[in-house]
Amino acid sequence: MATQLSRARNGEITEEIKQVAADEGYEPEYIREQVALGNIVIPKNNHRSFRAVGIGKGLRTKVNANIGASSLRNLEKEELKKLETAVLYGAESVMDLSTGGDLDEIRCKIIENSPVMIGTVPIYELATKYDYQEFNGELLFEVIEKQAKQGVDFITVHCGINKRTLTVMDSNPSPRIAGIVSRGGSLLAAYISSTGNENPLYEQFDRLCAICFEHDVTLSLGDGFRPGALADASDSGQIAELMVLGELTMRAREMGVQVMIEGPGHVPLDQIESNVVLEKRLCHGAPFYVLGPLVTDVAPGYDHITSAIGGAMAAAFGVDFLCYVTPAEHLRLPDVHDVREGVIASKIAAHAGDIVKKVPGAFEWDKAMSRARKKLDWEAMFSLAIDPVKARSYKMESEASSEDVCTMCGKLCAVRTDSERKKHK
């Protein structure tokens, strides 16, 4: 077996590399070089067939949507509808974070029906069957191998939490307000504290890489100590974990396994750039995948907006992959409407960042929209919109639905007035 990384290092331009190059506007050799260096990853399990997507240096900022049933709400049809909605509105990736219902059935149905890459957090499945005191490496690796065989394209694993980094977290002279807010991170920290054993994901990292190499599963090295409050951002625990993830990135690459790094979390606006710069330096240019970041803690019900603000800045500073946040964040399991709102907010943030990063085609998209507005070409405007359905419905539901102006300005439309002015010159 081989991975995109090992094949790129051998000079091979895979079909997946060709697909990414065509979609991103680059020569295939550029994509191959960056994959070989670890600056771009192409998460695609050997067992799956879909159009490959690249994440990383020079590419469009991608968006992930989290879905998944819980112990309190587990409706398979609803999760498949969330998948359909996320893909419809532009998510390049979906993570199944199910913790309730028949996990294997839900996961396999999502994989079977998904035209985009699928990620999971394997420890969630383990936690539905055992208390954290009962965890062990054999049980965890059994779950990981099973999910790899089922076709999962990338997995979030919290390998940077170990005895040493947990000691750094717990000995911080300024204790966190929110503590550990990552579910996987909290479970592993509790396991270490209660049993005195080392985190098996860290202790047996080479075994993890061997499984991922066999199936070409990309490692998404999770930030178990990500801040869940602005006041906790960029503290010693977060940085200690990130340093370990940098070491593990190099070990995974040596074994031919693709790696990306997960990041915060709740971060004030003035700390976003430093977090991105630090990740890129400590983790050797590995693609950076962030949740948000959320730039304020006081907007429950609107956290898709707080996330989009932070996501736009993060993307502009070099983040490669945004995990959406929905209006339901911190409140309940998102429904289909929440998924739609979360994806669109993150797509806006990603595109805003791409303009700053000068990603090929990003600014041209905006220029095309501006030209359509100047011509009052409504059909072109609808087709160019991030959400064509909403754009069309707002126009069609107005009193000016059949006119070439909107109800904001009516006959005082500045665009029309300016065009008429130029006719008389």
Protein backbone atom coordinates (compact mmCIF):
# COMPACT_ATOMS: atom_id res chain seq x y z
CA MET A 1 0.00 0.00 0.00
CA ALA A 2 1.02 3.66 -0.41
CA THR A 3 -0.18 7.13 0.51
CA GLN A 4 -0.45 10.38 -1.39
CA LEU A 5 2.60 11.53 0.60
CA SER A 6 4.78 8.50 -0.13
CA ARG A 7 3.81 8.52 -3.82
CA ALA A 8 4.52 12.24 -4.14
CA ARG A 9 7.92 11.75 -2.55
CA ASN A 10 8.65 9.12 -5.18
CA GLY A 11 7.91 11.67 -7.90
CA GLU A 12 4.49 10.28 -8.83
CA ILE A 13 1.74 12.62 -9.94
CA THR A 14 -1.37 10.75 -8.83
CA GLU A 15 -4.83 11.14 -10.28
CA GLU A 16 -5.79 12.92 -7.04
CA ILE A 17 -2.95 15.41 -7.48
CA LYS A 18 -4.14 16.08 -11.03
CA GLN A 19 -7.68 16.71 -9.75
CA VAL A 20 -6.50 19.15 -7.08
CA ALA A 21 -4.26 20.97 -9.57
CA ALA A 22 -7.12 21.36 -12.06
CA ASP A 23 -9.54 22.64 -9.43
CA GLU A 24 -7.06 25.06 -7.87
CA GLY A 25 -5.44 26.48 -11.00
CA TYR A 26 -1.92 25.11 -10.49
CA GLU A 27 0.38 22.84 -12.42
CA PRO A 28 0.31 19.26 -11.10
CA GLU A 29 4.03 19.40 -10.30
CA TYR A 30 3.46 22.23 -7.81
CA ILE A 31 0.83 20.19 -5.97
CA ARG A 32 3.10 17.13 -5.98
CA GLU A 33 6.00 19.11 -4.52
CA GLN A 34 3.87 20.58 -1.74
CA VAL A 35 2.31 17.21 -0.90
CA ALA A 36 5.81 15.71 -0.73
CA LEU A 37 6.85 18.48 1.67
CA GLY A 38 3.76 18.04 3.83
CA ASN A 39 2.50 21.56 3.13
CA ILE A 40 -0.57 20.18 1.31
CA VAL A 41 -2.61 17.13 2.27
CA ILE A 42 -5.17 15.28 0.15
CA PRO A 43 -7.36 13.33 2.60
CA LYS A 44 -8.76 10.39 0.67
CA ASN A 45 -8.99 6.85 2.02
CA ASN A 46 -7.78 4.15 -0.36
CA HIS A 47 -11.22 2.52 -0.09
CA ARG A 48 -13.19 5.53 -1.37
CA SER A 49 -13.91 7.12 -4.73
CA PHE A 50 -14.73 10.85 -4.95
CA ARG A 51 -13.12 13.95 -6.45
CA ALA A 52 -10.07 14.71 -4.36
CA VAL A 53 -9.68 18.00 -2.49
CA GLY A 54 -6.41 19.51 -1.34
CA ILE A 55 -5.85 21.42 1.89
CA GLY A 56 -2.84 23.61 2.42
CA LYS A 57 -0.35 26.09 1.03
CA GLY A 58 -1.60 28.27 -1.82
CA LEU A 59 -4.98 26.53 -2.07
CA ARG A 60 -8.49 27.79 -1.42
CA THR A 61 -9.42 27.77 2.26
CA LYS A 62 -11.65 24.75 2.77
CA VAL A 63 -14.68 24.39 5.07
CA ASN A 64 -15.70 21.43 7.22
CA ALA A 65 -19.18 20.83 8.63
CA ASN A 66 -19.67 18.75 11.78
CA ILE A 67 -22.75 16.55 11.91
CA GLY A 68 -23.65 13.52 14.01
CA ALA A 69 -26.26 12.04 16.30
CA SER A 70 -26.13 12.28 20.09
CA SER A 71 -27.42 10.08 22.90
CA LEU A 72 -30.40 12.44 23.25
CA ARG A 73 -31.17 12.76 19.52
CA ASN A 74 -30.19 10.10 17.02
CA LEU A 75 -32.15 10.19 13.77
CA GLU A 76 -30.28 8.64 10.86
CA LYS A 77 -32.39 10.37 8.21
CA GLU A 78 -31.76 13.73 9.83
CA GLU A 79 -27.98 13.21 9.76
CA LEU A 80 -28.11 12.26 6.08
CA LYS A 81 -30.13 15.41 5.41
CA LYS A 82 -27.47 17.43 7.25
CA LEU A 83 -24.83 15.82 5.04
CA GLU A 84 -26.81 16.69 1.92
CA THR A 85 -27.29 20.29 3.11
CA ALA A 86 -23.64 20.78 4.02
CA VAL A 87 -22.49 19.57 0.60
CA LEU A 88 -25.17 21.59 -1.23
CA TYR A 89 -23.94 24.82 0.34
CA GLY A 90 -20.28 24.17 -0.32
CA ALA A 91 -18.65 22.24 2.52
CA GLU A 92 -15.62 20.37 1.19
CA SER A 93 -15.59 18.05 4.18
CA VAL A 94 -17.97 16.59 6.76
CA MET A 95 -17.09 15.12 10.13
CA ASP A 96 -19.35 12.50 11.71
CA LEU A 97 -19.19 13.17 15.45
CA SER A 98 -21.99 10.78 16.40
CA THR A 99 -22.16 9.65 20.02
CA GLY A 100 -25.61 8.07 19.98
CA GLY A 101 -27.58 5.51 18.00
CA ASP A 102 -26.00 2.77 15.92
CA LEU A 103 -22.64 4.42 15.31
CA ASP A 104 -21.39 1.97 12.68
CA GLU A 105 -24.62 2.15 10.70
CA ILE A 106 -24.72 5.95 10.79
CA ARG A 107 -21.03 6.24 9.85
CA CYS A 108 -21.25 3.77 6.99
CA LYS A 109 -24.38 5.45 5.60
CA ILE A 110 -22.67 8.85 5.75
CA ILE A 111 -19.56 7.49 4.00
CA GLU A 112 -21.68 5.73 1.39
CA ASN A 113 -23.69 8.87 0.61
CA SER A 114 -20.93 11.46 0.82
CA PRO A 115 -19.31 12.99 -2.27
CA VAL A 116 -16.77 14.75 -0.02
CA MET A 117 -14.13 13.64 2.47
CA ILE A 118 -15.29 12.29 5.83
CA GLY A 119 -13.60 12.70 9.19
CA THR A 120 -14.25 11.21 12.62
CA VAL A 121 -13.03 11.32 16.21
CA PRO A 122 -12.53 7.62 17.04
CA ILE A 123 -12.38 8.10 20.81
CA TYR A 124 -16.03 9.16 20.76
CA GLU A 125 -17.04 5.64 19.77
CA LEU A 126 -14.89 4.16 22.51
CA ALA A 127 -16.45 6.52 25.06
CA THR A 128 -19.97 5.32 24.19
CA LYS A 129 -18.98 1.80 25.25
CA TYR A 130 -16.56 2.26 28.14
CA ASP A 131 -15.86 4.66 30.99
CA TYR A 132 -12.57 6.50 30.58
CA GLN A 133 -10.99 4.48 33.42
CA GLU A 134 -11.47 1.39 31.25
CA PHE A 135 -9.75 2.80 28.14
CA ASN A 136 -6.67 1.04 26.79
CA GLY A 137 -4.64 1.03 23.65
CA GLU A 138 -6.03 -2.21 22.29
CA LEU A 139 -9.62 -1.01 22.46
CA LEU A 140 -8.78 2.37 20.94
CA PHE A 141 -6.68 1.01 18.07
CA GLU A 142 -9.38 -1.56 17.33
CA VAL A 143 -11.83 1.30 16.76
CA ILE A 144 -9.33 3.28 14.66
CA GLU A 145 -8.54 0.32 12.41
CA LYS A 146 -12.22 -0.48 11.95
CA GLN A 147 -13.04 3.10 10.93
CA ALA A 148 -10.06 3.17 8.56
CA LYS A 149 -11.36 0.01 6.87
CA GLN A 150 -14.83 1.55 6.63
CA GLY A 151 -13.39 4.38 4.56
CA VAL A 152 -12.86 7.36 6.88
CA ASP A 153 -10.56 9.87 5.17
CA PHE A 154 -9.14 11.65 8.22
CA ILE A 155 -9.29 11.17 11.97
CA THR A 156 -8.92 13.59 14.84
CA VAL A 157 -6.63 12.08 17.45
CA HIS A 158 -5.47 13.90 20.57
CA CYS A 159 -1.89 12.66 20.62
CA GLY A 160 -0.41 15.79 22.18
CA ILE A 161 -1.99 15.18 25.57
CA ASN A 162 0.45 13.19 27.65
CA LYS A 163 1.64 13.12 31.24
CA ARG A 164 4.05 15.99 30.64
CA THR A 165 1.67 18.36 28.85
CA LEU A 166 -1.10 17.59 31.34
CA THR A 167 1.28 18.58 34.15
CA VAL A 168 1.96 21.86 32.34
CA MET A 169 -1.78 22.45 32.02
CA ASP A 170 -2.52 21.67 35.66
CA SER A 171 0.40 23.66 37.04
CA ASN A 172 -0.44 26.88 35.20
CA PRO A 173 -0.17 29.70 37.78
CA SER A 174 -3.24 31.28 36.16
CA PRO A 175 -5.77 28.41 36.05
CA ARG A 176 -8.16 28.29 33.12
CA ILE A 177 -11.67 29.60 33.48
CA ALA A 178 -13.22 26.98 31.18
CA GLY A 179 -10.70 24.18 31.74
CA ILE A 180 -10.50 21.49 29.04
CA VAL A 181 -13.40 21.89 26.60
CA SER A 182 -12.42 19.29 23.99
CA ARG A 183 -14.47 16.13 24.55
CA GLY A 184 -11.66 13.88 23.36
CA GLY A 185 -9.10 15.91 25.25
CA SER A 186 -11.06 15.79 28.50
CA LEU A 187 -11.52 12.01 28.23
CA LEU A 188 -7.80 11.37 27.71
CA ALA A 189 -6.80 13.79 30.47
CA ALA A 190 -9.21 12.05 32.84
CA TYR A 191 -7.83 8.65 31.79
CA ILE A 192 -4.24 9.73 32.49
CA SER A 193 -5.14 11.29 35.84
CA SER A 194 -7.27 8.38 37.06
CA THR A 195 -5.05 5.50 35.95
CA GLY A 196 -1.55 6.98 35.93
CA ASN A 197 -1.07 5.47 32.46
CA GLU A 198 0.28 7.30 29.44
CA ASN A 199 -2.00 8.31 26.55
CA PRO A 200 -1.88 5.29 24.18
CA LEU A 201 -2.15 7.57 21.14
CA TYR A 202 1.10 9.24 22.17
CA GLU A 203 2.81 6.15 23.56
CA GLN A 204 2.03 4.02 20.48
CA PHE A 205 2.12 6.75 17.86
CA ASP A 206 4.02 4.58 15.37
CA ARG A 207 1.27 1.98 15.57
CA LEU A 208 -1.27 4.68 14.80
CA CYS A 209 0.77 5.78 11.80
CA ALA A 210 1.04 2.21 10.52
CA ILE A 211 -2.76 1.91 10.40
CA CYS A 212 -3.09 5.28 8.69
CA PHE A 213 -0.42 4.42 6.13
CA GLU A 214 -2.15 1.19 5.15
CA HIS A 215 -5.41 2.97 4.31
CA ASP A 216 -4.05 6.47 3.56
CA VAL A 217 -5.98 8.04 6.40
CA THR A 218 -4.82 11.58 7.12
CA LEU A 219 -4.02 12.41 10.74
CA SER A 220 -5.71 15.50 12.08
CA LEU A 221 -3.67 16.03 15.23
CA GLY A 222 -6.26 17.37 17.64
CA ASP A 223 -5.93 20.27 20.03
CA GLY A 224 -7.21 18.69 23.21
CA PHE A 225 -6.14 21.76 25.17
CA ARG A 226 -7.78 24.27 22.84
CA PRO A 227 -9.13 27.31 24.71
CA GLY A 228 -12.87 27.38 25.33
CA ALA A 229 -12.80 30.92 26.68
CA LEU A 230 -11.03 34.04 25.46
CA ALA A 231 -9.23 34.34 28.80
CA ASP A 232 -7.69 30.88 28.31
CA ALA A 233 -6.23 31.51 24.84
CA SER A 234 -2.52 31.03 24.12
CA ASP A 235 -1.72 29.68 27.58
CA SER A 236 1.09 27.30 28.53
CA GLY A 237 -1.04 24.16 28.21
CA GLN A 238 -2.10 24.99 24.65
CA ILE A 239 1.46 25.79 23.59
CA ALA A 240 2.94 22.72 25.30
CA GLU A 241 0.54 20.49 23.38
CA LEU A 242 1.31 22.28 20.11
CA MET A 243 5.03 21.66 20.59
CA VAL A 244 4.37 17.93 20.94
CA LEU A 245 2.22 17.99 17.82
CA GLY A 246 5.14 19.53 15.94
CA GLU A 247 7.38 16.62 16.96
CA LEU A 248 4.72 14.08 15.98
CA THR A 249 4.19 15.78 12.63
CA MET A 250 7.76 14.96 11.64
CA ARG A 251 7.44 11.37 12.87
CA ALA A 252 4.25 10.83 10.87
CA ARG A 253 5.78 12.28 7.72
CA GLU A 254 8.79 10.01 8.10
CA MET A 255 6.35 7.09 8.04
CA GLY A 256 4.62 8.44 4.93
CA VAL A 257 1.46 9.60 6.71
CA GLN A 258 -0.27 12.88 5.85
CA VAL A 259 -0.78 15.31 8.74
CA MET A 260 -2.72 18.45 9.50
CA ILE A 261 -2.93 20.29 12.82
CA GLU A 262 -6.08 21.36 14.62
CA GLY A 263 -6.20 24.69 16.40
CA PRO A 264 -8.27 26.91 18.64
CA GLY A 265 -10.96 27.59 19.69
CA HIS A 266 -11.86 30.84 21.46
CA VAL A 267 -9.22 33.45 20.60
CA PRO A 268 -9.24 37.27 20.86
CA LEU A 269 -8.80 39.08 17.56
CA ASP A 270 -5.34 40.32 18.48
CA GLN A 271 -4.02 36.80 19.13
CA ILE A 272 -5.18 35.09 15.92
CA GLU A 273 -2.16 35.99 13.81
CA SER A 274 0.35 34.86 16.45
CA ASN A 275 -1.46 31.53 16.82
CA VAL A 276 -1.23 30.91 13.07
CA VAL A 277 2.42 31.93 12.86
CA LEU A 278 3.30 29.71 15.83
CA GLU A 279 1.53 26.66 14.40
CA LYS A 280 3.21 27.02 11.02
CA ARG A 281 6.61 27.33 12.68
CA LEU A 282 6.31 24.62 15.34
CA CYS A 283 4.51 22.17 13.05
CA HIS A 284 6.78 22.63 10.02
CA GLY A 285 4.24 24.15 7.64
CA ALA A 286 1.57 21.50 8.19
CA PRO A 287 -1.92 22.61 7.10
CA PHE A 288 -3.79 24.34 9.93
CA TYR A 289 -7.41 23.41 10.70
CA VAL A 290 -9.23 25.68 13.16
CA LEU A 291 -12.59 25.68 14.93
CA GLY A 292 -13.68 29.25 14.32
CA PRO A 293 -11.86 30.79 15.99
CA LEU A 294 -14.60 32.45 18.02
CA VAL A 295 -13.65 36.02 18.90
CA THR A 296 -16.07 36.66 21.75
CA ASP A 297 -17.75 34.47 24.37
CA VAL A 298 -21.00 36.45 24.73
CA ALA A 299 -22.99 35.65 21.57
CA PRO A 300 -24.80 32.31 22.05
CA GLY A 301 -27.22 31.86 19.17
CA TYR A 302 -24.94 33.90 16.91
CA ASP A 303 -21.68 31.99 17.19
CA HIS A 304 -21.67 31.35 13.45
CA ILE A 305 -21.02 35.10 13.21
CA THR A 306 -18.35 35.24 15.94
CA SER A 307 -16.72 32.27 14.22
CA ALA A 308 -16.88 33.83 10.76
CA ILE A 309 -15.18 36.99 12.01
CA GLY A 310 -12.32 34.96 13.47
CA GLY A 311 -12.28 32.55 10.54
CA ALA A 312 -11.85 35.35 8.01
CA MET A 313 -8.87 36.73 9.92
CA ALA A 314 -7.38 33.28 10.45
CA ALA A 315 -7.69 32.43 6.77
CA ALA A 316 -6.11 35.74 5.81
CA PHE A 317 -3.15 34.97 8.10
CA GLY A 318 -2.63 31.52 6.58
CA VAL A 319 -5.11 29.02 8.05
CA ASP A 320 -5.98 26.35 5.49
CA PHE A 321 -9.15 24.71 6.78
CA LEU A 322 -12.09 26.16 8.75
CA CYS A 323 -14.39 24.03 10.86
CA TYR A 324 -17.76 25.72 10.81
CA VAL A 325 -19.62 26.83 13.90
CA THR A 326 -23.42 26.94 13.81
CA PRO A 327 -25.94 29.18 15.60
CA ALA A 328 -26.61 26.20 17.89
CA GLU A 329 -23.03 26.12 19.26
CA HIS A 330 -22.97 25.90 23.08
CA LEU A 331 -26.77 25.42 23.11
CA ARG A 332 -27.94 22.20 21.41
CA LEU A 333 -27.35 19.73 18.60
CA PRO A 334 -27.55 21.66 15.30
CA ASP A 335 -30.45 20.97 12.96
CA VAL A 336 -30.49 21.17 9.17
CA HIS A 337 -31.10 24.93 9.19
CA ASP A 338 -28.16 25.44 11.57
CA VAL A 339 -25.92 23.40 9.26
CA ARG A 340 -26.86 25.62 6.33
CA GLU A 341 -26.20 28.83 8.27
CA GLY A 342 -22.91 27.53 9.62
CA VAL A 343 -21.59 26.41 6.25
CA ILE A 344 -22.48 29.67 4.52
CA ALA A 345 -20.93 31.80 7.29
CA SER A 346 -17.70 29.79 7.07
CA LYS A 347 -17.68 29.91 3.26
CA ILE A 348 -17.88 33.71 3.44
CA ALA A 349 -15.01 33.75 5.94
CA ALA A 350 -12.92 31.38 3.83
CA HIS A 351 -13.41 33.44 0.68
CA ALA A 352 -12.60 36.70 2.48
CA GLY A 353 -9.33 35.13 3.60
CA ASP A 354 -8.58 33.82 0.12
CA ILE A 355 -8.78 37.34 -1.31
CA VAL A 356 -6.06 38.45 1.12
CA LYS A 357 -3.95 35.34 0.41
CA LYS A 358 -4.31 36.04 -3.32
CA VAL A 359 -5.57 32.52 -4.01
CA PRO A 360 -6.02 32.10 -7.79
CA GLY A 361 -9.50 33.15 -8.87
CA ALA A 362 -10.63 34.57 -5.52
CA PHE A 363 -10.58 38.29 -6.37
CA GLU A 364 -11.81 37.57 -9.90
CA TRP A 365 -15.02 36.13 -8.41
CA ASP A 366 -15.71 39.43 -6.63
CA LYS A 367 -14.94 41.44 -9.77
CA ALA A 368 -17.43 39.33 -11.71
CA MET A 369 -20.11 40.09 -9.11
CA SER A 370 -19.30 43.80 -9.25
CA ARG A 371 -19.63 43.83 -13.02
CA ALA A 372 -22.99 42.06 -12.77
CA ARG A 373 -24.20 44.65 -10.26
CA LYS A 374 -23.06 47.49 -12.52
CA LYS A 375 -25.10 46.00 -15.37
CA LEU A 376 -28.07 45.30 -13.05
CA ASP A 377 -27.80 41.73 -14.32
CA TRP A 378 -29.80 39.97 -11.62
CA GLU A 379 -29.45 36.46 -13.02
CA ALA A 380 -25.66 36.82 -13.05
CA MET A 381 -25.74 38.15 -9.50
CA PHE A 382 -27.77 35.17 -8.33
CA SER A 383 -25.45 32.68 -10.02
CA LEU A 384 -22.34 34.31 -8.53
CA ALA A 385 -23.72 34.50 -4.98
CA ILE A 386 -22.38 32.22 -2.25
CA ASP A 387 -26.03 31.44 -1.51
CA PRO A 388 -27.91 31.80 -4.83
CA VAL A 389 -31.17 30.53 -3.32
CA LYS A 390 -31.36 33.22 -0.65
CA ALA A 391 -30.22 35.98 -3.01
CA ARG A 392 -32.93 35.10 -5.52
CA SER A 393 -35.66 34.72 -2.91
CA TYR A 394 -34.96 38.18 -1.39
CA LYS A 395 -35.30 39.81 -4.80
CA MET A 396 -38.31 37.79 -5.93
CA GLU A 397 -40.22 38.37 -2.68
CA SER A 398 -39.88 42.15 -2.98
CA GLU A 399 -42.24 44.64 -4.58
CA ALA A 400 -39.64 45.19 -7.31
CA SER A 401 -39.35 41.52 -8.27
CA SER A 402 -39.88 42.20 -11.97
CA GLU A 403 -37.94 45.45 -12.16
CA ASP A 404 -34.25 46.11 -12.72
CA VAL A 405 -33.93 47.94 -9.39
CA CYS A 406 -34.45 46.90 -5.77
CA THR A 407 -36.81 48.33 -3.16
CA MET A 408 -33.97 49.98 -1.28
CA CYS A 409 -33.47 52.73 -3.87
CA GLY A 410 -36.19 52.32 -6.46
CA LYS A 411 -36.01 55.11 -9.04
CA LEU A 412 -33.11 56.63 -7.07
CA CYS A 413 -30.88 53.64 -7.96
CA ALA A 414 -27.36 55.08 -8.09
CA VAL A 415 -26.14 52.42 -10.50
CA ARG A 416 -28.85 53.25 -13.03
CA THR A 417 -28.42 57.00 -12.56
CA ASP A 418 -24.67 56.77 -13.13
CA SER A 419 -25.14 54.66 -16.25
CA GLU A 420 -27.62 57.19 -17.65
CA ARG A 421 -25.23 60.06 -16.80
CA LYS A 422 -22.50 58.46 -18.87
CA LYS A 423 -24.83 58.19 -21.87
CA HIS A 424 -25.10 62.01 -21.98
CA LYS A 425 -21.36 62.65 -21.93
